Amino acid sequence: MRKAIKIVHEGKYAAEIPVELIEDSGGWSPYLSSADASKLDAVRKALRAGDVATATKHGLVFELLPLSAQVSADRVAGDAAMPK
């Protein structure tokens, strides 16, 4: 088994959930245990309901802040941060 972080994104929240990946010689490797799969489902359900407290029992939770899609060409090029 090896440790990994799975990202669960639901609405305005994202969570980093630690899981263990099971590796074997089969064709479906690596895969999650049923307990880890259930944990990811519980976090997704909690975030969907806005229940951040429950989701934080399983990992780090972040509130996402959308940025404007209307970005000027100067800002994209990085010129806006440089004094003229």
PDB file of N, CA and C in Angstrom:
ATOM      1  N   MET A   1       0.840  -1.188   0.000  1.00  0.00           N
ATOM      2  CA  MET A   1       0.000   0.000   0.000  1.00  0.00           C
ATOM      3  C   MET A   1       0.879   1.243   0.000  1.00  0.00           C
ATOM      4  N   ARG A   2       0.378   2.266  -0.671  1.00  0.00           N
ATOM      5  CA  ARG A   2       1.084   3.543  -0.620  1.00  0.00           C
ATOM      6  C   ARG A   2       0.073   4.649  -0.348  1.00  0.00           C
ATOM      7  N   LYS A   3       0.545   5.661   0.353  1.00  0.00           N
ATOM      8  CA  LYS A   3      -0.323   6.770   0.725  1.00  0.00           C
ATOM      9  C   LYS A   3      -0.445   7.755  -0.421  1.00  0.00           C
ATOM     10  N   ALA A   4      -1.627   8.355  -0.522  1.00  0.00           N
ATOM     11  CA  ALA A   4      -1.890   9.347  -1.567  1.00  0.00           C
ATOM     12  C   ALA A   4      -2.913  10.343  -1.031  1.00  0.00           C
ATOM     13  N   ILE A   5      -3.051  11.434  -1.741  1.00  0.00           N
ATOM     14  CA  ILE A   5      -4.044  12.457  -1.420  1.00  0.00           C
ATOM     15  C   ILE A   5      -5.035  12.515  -2.583  1.00  0.00           C
ATOM     16  N   LYS A   6      -6.308  12.402  -2.273  1.00  0.00           N
ATOM     17  CA  LYS A   6      -7.356  12.554  -3.280  1.00  0.00           C
ATOM     18  C   LYS A   6      -8.034  13.896  -3.055  1.00  0.00           C
ATOM     19  N   ILE A   7      -8.338  14.576  -4.127  1.00  0.00           N
ATOM     20  CA  ILE A   7      -9.013  15.868  -4.070  1.00  0.00           C
ATOM     21  C   ILE A   7     -10.502  15.645  -4.331  1.00  0.00           C
ATOM     22  N   VAL A   8     -11.319  16.153  -3.427  1.00  0.00           N
ATOM     23  CA  VAL A   8     -12.768  16.105  -3.592  1.00  0.00           C
ATOM     24  C   VAL A   8     -13.233  17.543  -3.778  1.00  0.00           C
ATOM     25  N   HIS A   9     -13.851  17.833  -4.921  1.00  0.00           N
ATOM     26  CA  HIS A   9     -14.331  19.187  -5.209  1.00  0.00           C
ATOM     27  C   HIS A   9     -15.847  19.141  -5.296  1.00  0.00           C
ATOM     28  N   GLU A  10     -16.478  19.981  -4.507  1.00  0.00           N
ATOM     29  CA  GLU A  10     -17.940  20.046  -4.511  1.00  0.00           C
ATOM     30  C   GLU A  10     -18.349  21.483  -4.261  1.00  0.00           C
ATOM     31  N   GLY A  11     -18.981  22.095  -5.254  1.00  0.00           N
ATOM     32  CA  GLY A  11     -19.425  23.478  -5.118  1.00  0.00           C
ATOM     33  C   GLY A  11     -18.262  24.425  -4.883  1.00  0.00           C
ATOM     34  N   LYS A  12     -18.352  25.230  -3.825  1.00  0.00           N
ATOM     35  CA  LYS A  12     -17.293  26.193  -3.533  1.00  0.00           C
ATOM     36  C   LYS A  12     -16.226  25.634  -2.605  1.00  0.00           C
ATOM     37  N   TYR A  13     -16.236  24.323  -2.371  1.00  0.00           N
ATOM     38  CA  TYR A  13     -15.269  23.696  -1.474  1.00  0.00           C
ATOM     39  C   TYR A  13     -14.430  22.648  -2.203  1.00  0.00           C
ATOM     40  N   ALA A  14     -13.226  22.467  -1.697  1.00  0.00           N
ATOM     41  CA  ALA A  14     -12.362  21.373  -2.143  1.00  0.00           C
ATOM     42  C   ALA A  14     -11.713  20.802  -0.889  1.00  0.00           C
ATOM     43  N   ALA A  15     -11.489  19.505  -0.887  1.00  0.00           N
ATOM     44  CA  ALA A  15     -10.881  18.854   0.277  1.00  0.00           C
ATOM     45  C   ALA A  15      -9.754  17.946  -0.186  1.00  0.00           C
ATOM     46  N   GLU A  16      -8.684  17.922   0.606  1.00  0.00           N
ATOM     47  CA  GLU A  16      -7.571  16.996   0.397  1.00  0.00           C
ATOM     48  C   GLU A  16      -7.749  15.865   1.398  1.00  0.00           C
ATOM     49  N   ILE A  17      -8.014  14.679   0.908  1.00  0.00           N
ATOM     50  CA  ILE A  17      -8.313  13.538   1.762  1.00  0.00           C
ATOM     51  C   ILE A  17      -7.215  12.482   1.607  1.00  0.00           C
ATOM     52  N   PRO A  18      -6.549  12.133   2.723  1.00  0.00           N
ATOM     53  CA  PRO A  18      -5.526  11.090   2.642  1.00  0.00           C
ATOM     54  C   PRO A  18      -6.165   9.702   2.490  1.00  0.00           C
ATOM     55  N   VAL A  19      -5.630   8.921   1.576  1.00  0.00           N
ATOM     56  CA  VAL A  19      -6.102   7.555   1.340  1.00  0.00           C
ATOM     57  C   VAL A  19      -4.891   6.655   1.153  1.00  0.00           C
ATOM     58  N   GLU A  20      -5.133   5.354   1.181  1.00  0.00           N
ATOM     59  CA  GLU A  20      -4.092   4.383   0.869  1.00  0.00           C
ATOM     60  C   GLU A  20      -4.485   3.656  -0.403  1.00  0.00           C
ATOM     61  N   LEU A  21      -3.573   3.635  -1.352  1.00  0.00           N
ATOM     62  CA  LEU A  21      -3.795   2.936  -2.614  1.00  0.00           C
ATOM     63  C   LEU A  21      -3.273   1.515  -2.470  1.00  0.00           C
ATOM     64  N   ILE A  22      -4.097   0.566  -2.822  1.00  0.00           N
ATOM     65  CA  ILE A  22      -3.720  -0.846  -2.742  1.00  0.00           C
ATOM     66  C   ILE A  22      -3.182  -1.257  -4.107  1.00  0.00           C
ATOM     67  N   GLU A  23      -1.987  -1.802  -4.097  1.00  0.00           N
ATOM     68  CA  GLU A  23      -1.352  -2.220  -5.347  1.00  0.00           C
ATOM     69  C   GLU A  23      -1.166  -3.729  -5.332  1.00  0.00           C
ATOM     70  N   ASP A  24      -1.540  -4.353  -6.436  1.00  0.00           N
ATOM     71  CA  ASP A  24      -1.281  -5.780  -6.583  1.00  0.00           C
ATOM     72  C   ASP A  24      -0.982  -6.065  -8.052  1.00  0.00           C
ATOM     73  N   SER A  25      -0.785  -7.299  -8.383  1.00  0.00           N
ATOM     74  CA  SER A  25      -0.404  -7.637  -9.755  1.00  0.00           C
ATOM     75  C   SER A  25      -1.600  -7.703 -10.697  1.00  0.00           C
ATOM     76  N   GLY A  26      -2.792  -7.464 -10.182  1.00  0.00           N
ATOM     77  CA  GLY A  26      -3.999  -7.510 -11.011  1.00  0.00           C
ATOM     78  C   GLY A  26      -4.085  -6.334 -11.965  1.00  0.00           C
ATOM     79  N   GLY A  27      -5.033  -6.397 -12.873  1.00  0.00           N
ATOM     80  CA  GLY A  27      -5.183  -5.378 -13.888  1.00  0.00           C
ATOM     81  C   GLY A  27      -5.821  -4.088 -13.397  1.00  0.00           C
ATOM     82  N   TRP A  28      -6.395  -4.056 -12.192  1.00  0.00           N
ATOM     83  CA  TRP A  28      -7.101  -2.872 -11.708  1.00  0.00           C
ATOM     84  C   TRP A  28      -6.306  -2.139 -10.645  1.00  0.00           C
ATOM     85  N   SER A  29      -5.049  -2.381 -10.553  1.00  0.00           N
ATOM     86  CA  SER A  29      -4.215  -1.765  -9.527  1.00  0.00           C
ATOM     87  C   SER A  29      -3.727  -0.403 -10.005  1.00  0.00           C
ATOM     88  N   PRO A  30      -3.557   0.597  -9.159  1.00  0.00           N
ATOM     89  CA  PRO A  30      -3.927   0.639  -7.740  1.00  0.00           C
ATOM     90  C   PRO A  30      -5.404   0.969  -7.557  1.00  0.00           C
ATOM     91  N   TYR A  31      -5.935   0.571  -6.410  1.00  0.00           N
ATOM     92  CA  TYR A  31      -7.336   0.846  -6.127  1.00  0.00           C
ATOM     93  C   TYR A  31      -7.494   1.212  -4.656  1.00  0.00           C
ATOM     94  N   LEU A  32      -8.669   1.743  -4.317  1.00  0.00           N
ATOM     95  CA  LEU A  32      -8.979   2.161  -2.951  1.00  0.00           C
ATOM     96  C   LEU A  32      -9.644   1.020  -2.191  1.00  0.00           C
ATOM     97  N   SER A  33      -9.444   1.008  -0.883  1.00  0.00           N
ATOM     98  CA  SER A  33     -10.208   0.087  -0.051  1.00  0.00           C
ATOM     99  C   SER A  33     -11.649   0.582   0.000  1.00  0.00           C
ATOM    100  N   SER A  34     -12.569  -0.278   0.387  1.00  0.00           N
ATOM    101  CA  SER A  34     -13.972   0.157   0.481  1.00  0.00           C
ATOM    102  C   SER A  34     -14.126   1.216   1.571  1.00  0.00           C
ATOM    103  N   ALA A  35     -13.303   1.156   2.621  1.00  0.00           N
ATOM    104  CA  ALA A  35     -13.365   2.163   3.689  1.00  0.00           C
ATOM    105  C   ALA A  35     -12.941   3.535   3.166  1.00  0.00           C
ATOM    106  N   ASP A  36     -11.874   3.589   2.377  1.00  0.00           N
ATOM    107  CA  ASP A  36     -11.425   4.866   1.819  1.00  0.00           C
ATOM    108  C   ASP A  36     -12.429   5.396   0.791  1.00  0.00           C
ATOM    109  N   ALA A  37     -13.021   4.510  -0.009  1.00  0.00           N
ATOM    110  CA  ALA A  37     -14.031   4.939  -0.972  1.00  0.00           C
ATOM    111  C   ALA A  37     -15.246   5.519  -0.245  1.00  0.00           C
ATOM    112  N   SER A  38     -15.629   4.885   0.845  1.00  0.00           N
ATOM    113  CA  SER A  38     -16.746   5.393   1.652  1.00  0.00           C
ATOM    114  C   SER A  38     -16.406   6.737   2.277  1.00  0.00           C
ATOM    115  N   LYS A  39     -15.149   6.884   2.703  1.00  0.00           N
ATOM    116  CA  LYS A  39     -14.709   8.160   3.279  1.00  0.00           C
ATOM    117  C   LYS A  39     -14.806   9.280   2.250  1.00  0.00           C
ATOM    118  N   LEU A  40     -14.368   9.026   1.021  1.00  0.00           N
ATOM    119  CA  LEU A  40     -14.468  10.032  -0.040  1.00  0.00           C
ATOM    120  C   LEU A  40     -15.926  10.381  -0.327  1.00  0.00           C
ATOM    121  N   ASP A  41     -16.796   9.380  -0.333  1.00  0.00           N
ATOM    122  CA  ASP A  41     -18.224   9.628  -0.547  1.00  0.00           C
ATOM    123  C   ASP A  41     -18.814  10.465   0.579  1.00  0.00           C
ATOM    124  N   ALA A  42     -18.412  10.185   1.828  1.00  0.00           N
ATOM    125  CA  ALA A  42     -18.918  10.941   2.979  1.00  0.00           C
ATOM    126  C   ALA A  42     -18.473  12.400   2.912  1.00  0.00           C
ATOM    127  N   VAL A  43     -17.230  12.625   2.502  1.00  0.00           N
ATOM    128  CA  VAL A  43     -16.720  13.994   2.377  1.00  0.00           C
ATOM    129  C   VAL A  43     -17.472  14.722   1.273  1.00  0.00           C
ATOM    130  N   ARG A  44     -17.679  14.073   0.133  1.00  0.00           N
ATOM    131  CA  ARG A  44     -18.402  14.688  -0.979  1.00  0.00           C
ATOM    132  C   ARG A  44     -19.821  15.055  -0.552  1.00  0.00           C
ATOM    133  N   LYS A  45     -20.488  14.152   0.152  1.00  0.00           N
ATOM    134  CA  LYS A  45     -21.850  14.410   0.620  1.00  0.00           C
ATOM    135  C   LYS A  45     -21.874  15.575   1.617  1.00  0.00           C
ATOM    136  N   ALA A  46     -20.907  15.613   2.530  1.00  0.00           N
ATOM    137  CA  ALA A  46     -20.847  16.693   3.521  1.00  0.00           C
ATOM    138  C   ALA A  46     -20.601  18.037   2.847  1.00  0.00           C
ATOM    139  N   LEU A  47     -19.674  18.080   1.898  1.00  0.00           N
ATOM    140  CA  LEU A  47     -19.394  19.341   1.206  1.00  0.00           C
ATOM    141  C   LEU A  47     -20.605  19.798   0.397  1.00  0.00           C
ATOM    142  N   ARG A  48     -21.284  18.869  -0.225  1.00  0.00           N
ATOM    143  CA  ARG A  48     -22.473  19.211  -1.009  1.00  0.00           C
ATOM    144  C   ARG A  48     -23.539  19.841  -0.114  1.00  0.00           C
ATOM    145  N   ALA A  49     -23.619  19.372   1.148  1.00  0.00           N
ATOM    146  CA  ALA A  49     -24.601  19.892   2.103  1.00  0.00           C
ATOM    147  C   ALA A  49     -24.096  21.135   2.833  1.00  0.00           C
ATOM    148  N   GLY A  50     -22.838  21.536   2.575  1.00  0.00           N
ATOM    149  CA  GLY A  50     -22.260  22.688   3.261  1.00  0.00           C
ATOM    150  C   GLY A  50     -21.805  22.365   4.675  1.00  0.00           C
ATOM    151  N   ASP A  51     -21.695  21.081   5.009  1.00  0.00           N
ATOM    152  CA  ASP A  51     -21.286  20.631   6.346  1.00  0.00           C
ATOM    153  C   ASP A  51     -19.765  20.507   6.406  1.00  0.00           C
ATOM    154  N   VAL A  52     -19.113  21.639   6.504  1.00  0.00           N
ATOM    155  CA  VAL A  52     -17.648  21.686   6.500  1.00  0.00           C
ATOM    156  C   VAL A  52     -17.077  20.973   7.728  1.00  0.00           C
ATOM    157  N   ALA A  53     -17.743  21.082   8.868  1.00  0.00           N
ATOM    158  CA  ALA A  53     -17.253  20.458  10.102  1.00  0.00           C
ATOM    159  C   ALA A  53     -17.091  18.948   9.940  1.00  0.00           C
ATOM    160  N   THR A  54     -18.050  18.307   9.303  1.00  0.00           N
ATOM    161  CA  THR A  54     -17.942  16.861   9.083  1.00  0.00           C
ATOM    162  C   THR A  54     -16.820  16.549   8.105  1.00  0.00           C
ATOM    163  N   ALA A  55     -16.706  17.332   7.050  1.00  0.00           N
ATOM    164  CA  ALA A  55     -15.666  17.088   6.046  1.00  0.00           C
ATOM    165  C   ALA A  55     -14.272  17.251   6.638  1.00  0.00           C
ATOM    166  N   THR A  56     -14.090  18.208   7.561  1.00  0.00           N
ATOM    167  CA  THR A  56     -12.759  18.436   8.140  1.00  0.00           C
ATOM    168  C   THR A  56     -12.317  17.307   9.065  1.00  0.00           C
ATOM    169  N   LYS A  57     -13.208  16.415   9.430  1.00  0.00           N
ATOM    170  CA  LYS A  57     -12.817  15.242  10.233  1.00  0.00           C
ATOM    171  C   LYS A  57     -11.955  14.285   9.428  1.00  0.00           C
ATOM    172  N   HIS A  58     -12.015  14.401   8.106  1.00  0.00           N
ATOM    173  CA  HIS A  58     -11.304  13.468   7.233  1.00  0.00           C
ATOM    174  C   HIS A  58     -10.088  14.063   6.536  1.00  0.00           C
ATOM    175  N   GLY A  59      -9.973  15.394   6.503  1.00  0.00           N
ATOM    176  CA  GLY A  59      -8.839  16.003   5.820  1.00  0.00           C
ATOM    177  C   GLY A  59      -8.960  17.514   5.796  1.00  0.00           C
ATOM    178  N   LEU A  60      -8.107  18.138   5.010  1.00  0.00           N
ATOM    179  CA  LEU A  60      -8.105  19.595   4.884  1.00  0.00           C
ATOM    180  C   LEU A  60      -9.205  20.042   3.924  1.00  0.00           C
ATOM    181  N   VAL A  61      -9.923  21.090   4.315  1.00  0.00           N
ATOM    182  CA  VAL A  61     -10.996  21.624   3.476  1.00  0.00           C
ATOM    183  C   VAL A  61     -10.655  23.067   3.127  1.00  0.00           C
ATOM    184  N   PHE A  62     -10.868  23.400   1.870  1.00  0.00           N
ATOM    185  CA  PHE A  62     -10.589  24.742   1.372  1.00  0.00           C
ATOM    186  C   PHE A  62     -11.858  25.328   0.792  1.00  0.00           C
ATOM    187  N   GLU A  63     -12.053  26.623   1.004  1.00  0.00           N
ATOM    188  CA  GLU A  63     -13.146  27.335   0.345  1.00  0.00           C
ATOM    189  C   GLU A  63     -12.550  28.008  -0.877  1.00  0.00           C
ATOM    190  N   LEU A  64     -13.125  27.736  -2.024  1.00  0.00           N
ATOM    191  CA  LEU A  64     -12.597  28.258  -3.280  1.00  0.00           C
ATOM    192  C   LEU A  64     -13.171  29.632  -3.563  1.00  0.00           C
ATOM    193  N   LEU A  65     -12.328  30.494  -4.065  1.00  0.00           N
ATOM    194  CA  LEU A  65     -12.718  31.856  -4.401  1.00  0.00           C
ATOM    195  C   LEU A  65     -12.612  32.030  -5.905  1.00  0.00           C
ATOM    196  N   PRO A  66     -13.732  32.188  -6.588  1.00  0.00           N
ATOM    197  CA  PRO A  66     -13.652  32.360  -8.036  1.00  0.00           C
ATOM    198  C   PRO A  66     -13.044  33.710  -8.387  1.00  0.00           C
ATOM    199  N   LEU A  67     -12.205  33.709  -9.388  1.00  0.00           N
ATOM    200  CA  LEU A  67     -11.607  34.935  -9.895  1.00  0.00           C
ATOM    201  C   LEU A  67     -12.312  35.330 -11.171  1.00  0.00           C
ATOM    202  N   SER A  68     -12.295  36.591 -11.467  1.00  0.00           N
ATOM    203  CA  SER A  68     -12.964  37.084 -12.661  1.00  0.00           C
ATOM    204  C   SER A  68     -12.333  36.483 -13.911  1.00  0.00           C
ATOM    205  N   ALA A  69     -13.167  36.110 -14.846  1.00  0.00           N
ATOM    206  CA  ALA A  69     -12.673  35.593 -16.119  1.00  0.00           C
ATOM    207  C   ALA A  69     -12.268  36.724 -17.048  1.00  0.00           C
ATOM    208  N   GLN A  70     -12.619  37.934 -16.688  1.00  0.00           N
ATOM    209  CA  GLN A  70     -12.308  39.110 -17.498  1.00  0.00           C
ATOM    210  C   GLN A  70     -10.951  39.664 -17.065  1.00  0.00           C
ATOM    211  N   VAL A  71      -9.893  39.065 -17.535  1.00  0.00           N
ATOM    212  CA  VAL A  71      -8.548  39.502 -17.188  1.00  0.00           C
ATOM    213  C   VAL A  71      -7.952  40.222 -18.385  1.00  0.00           C
ATOM    214  N   SER A  72      -7.375  41.381 -18.138  1.00  0.00           N
ATOM    215  CA  SER A  72      -6.799  42.143 -19.247  1.00  0.00           C
ATOM    216  C   SER A  72      -5.548  41.452 -19.779  1.00  0.00           C
ATOM    217  N   ALA A  73      -5.189  41.764 -20.989  1.00  0.00           N
ATOM    218  CA  ALA A  73      -4.003  41.179 -21.612  1.00  0.00           C
ATOM    219  C   ALA A  73      -2.745  41.540 -20.840  1.00  0.00           C
ATOM    220  N   ASP A  74      -2.702  42.743 -20.238  1.00  0.00           N
ATOM    221  CA  ASP A  74      -1.528  43.139 -19.462  1.00  0.00           C
ATOM    222  C   ASP A  74      -1.334  42.218 -18.250  1.00  0.00           C
ATOM    223  N   ARG A  75      -2.409  41.896 -17.572  1.00  0.00           N
ATOM    224  CA  ARG A  75      -2.313  41.048 -16.379  1.00  0.00           C
ATOM    225  C   ARG A  75      -1.917  39.635 -16.756  1.00  0.00           C
ATOM    226  N   VAL A  76      -2.423  39.149 -17.878  1.00  0.00           N
ATOM    227  CA  VAL A  76      -2.072  37.796 -18.323  1.00  0.00           C
ATOM    228  C   VAL A  76      -0.581  37.746 -18.614  1.00  0.00           C
ATOM    229  N   ALA A  77      -0.049  38.776 -19.243  1.00  0.00           N
ATOM    230  CA  ALA A  77       1.366  38.810 -19.585  1.00  0.00           C
ATOM    231  C   ALA A  77       2.251  39.118 -18.383  1.00  0.00           C
ATOM    232  N   GLY A  78       1.648  39.543 -17.290  1.00  0.00           N
ATOM    233  CA  GLY A  78       2.422  39.859 -16.101  1.00  0.00           C
ATOM    234  C   GLY A  78       2.905  41.289 -16.040  1.00  0.00           C
ATOM    235  N   ASP A  79       2.539  42.126 -17.012  1.00  0.00           N
ATOM    236  CA  ASP A  79       2.999  43.497 -17.064  1.00  0.00           C
ATOM    237  C   ASP A  79       2.373  44.366 -15.981  1.00  0.00           C
ATOM    238  N   ALA A  80       1.195  44.006 -15.480  1.00  0.00           N
ATOM    239  CA  ALA A  80       0.493  44.855 -14.521  1.00  0.00           C
ATOM    240  C   ALA A  80       1.229  44.967 -13.205  1.00  0.00           C
ATOM    241  N   ALA A  81       2.008  43.959 -12.858  1.00  0.00           N
ATOM    242  CA  ALA A  81       2.728  43.981 -11.587  1.00  0.00           C
ATOM    243  C   ALA A  81       4.019  44.796 -11.667  1.00  0.00           C
ATOM    244  N   MET A  82       4.457  45.098 -12.863  1.00  0.00           N
ATOM    245  CA  MET A  82       5.721  45.817 -13.029  1.00  0.00           C
ATOM    246  C   MET A  82       5.467  47.301 -13.139  1.00  0.00           C
ATOM    247  N   PRO A  83       6.198  48.117 -12.373  1.00  0.00           N
ATOM    248  CA  PRO A  83       6.025  49.568 -12.470  1.00  0.00           C
ATOM    249  C   PRO A  83       6.526  50.070 -13.822  1.00  0.00           C
ATOM    250  N   LYS A  84       5.882  51.129 -14.307  1.00  0.00           N
ATOM    251  CA  LYS A  84       6.279  51.690 -15.605  1.00  0.00           C
ATOM    252  C   LYS A  84       6.976  52.987 -15.434  1.00  0.00           C
TER     253      LYS A  84
END
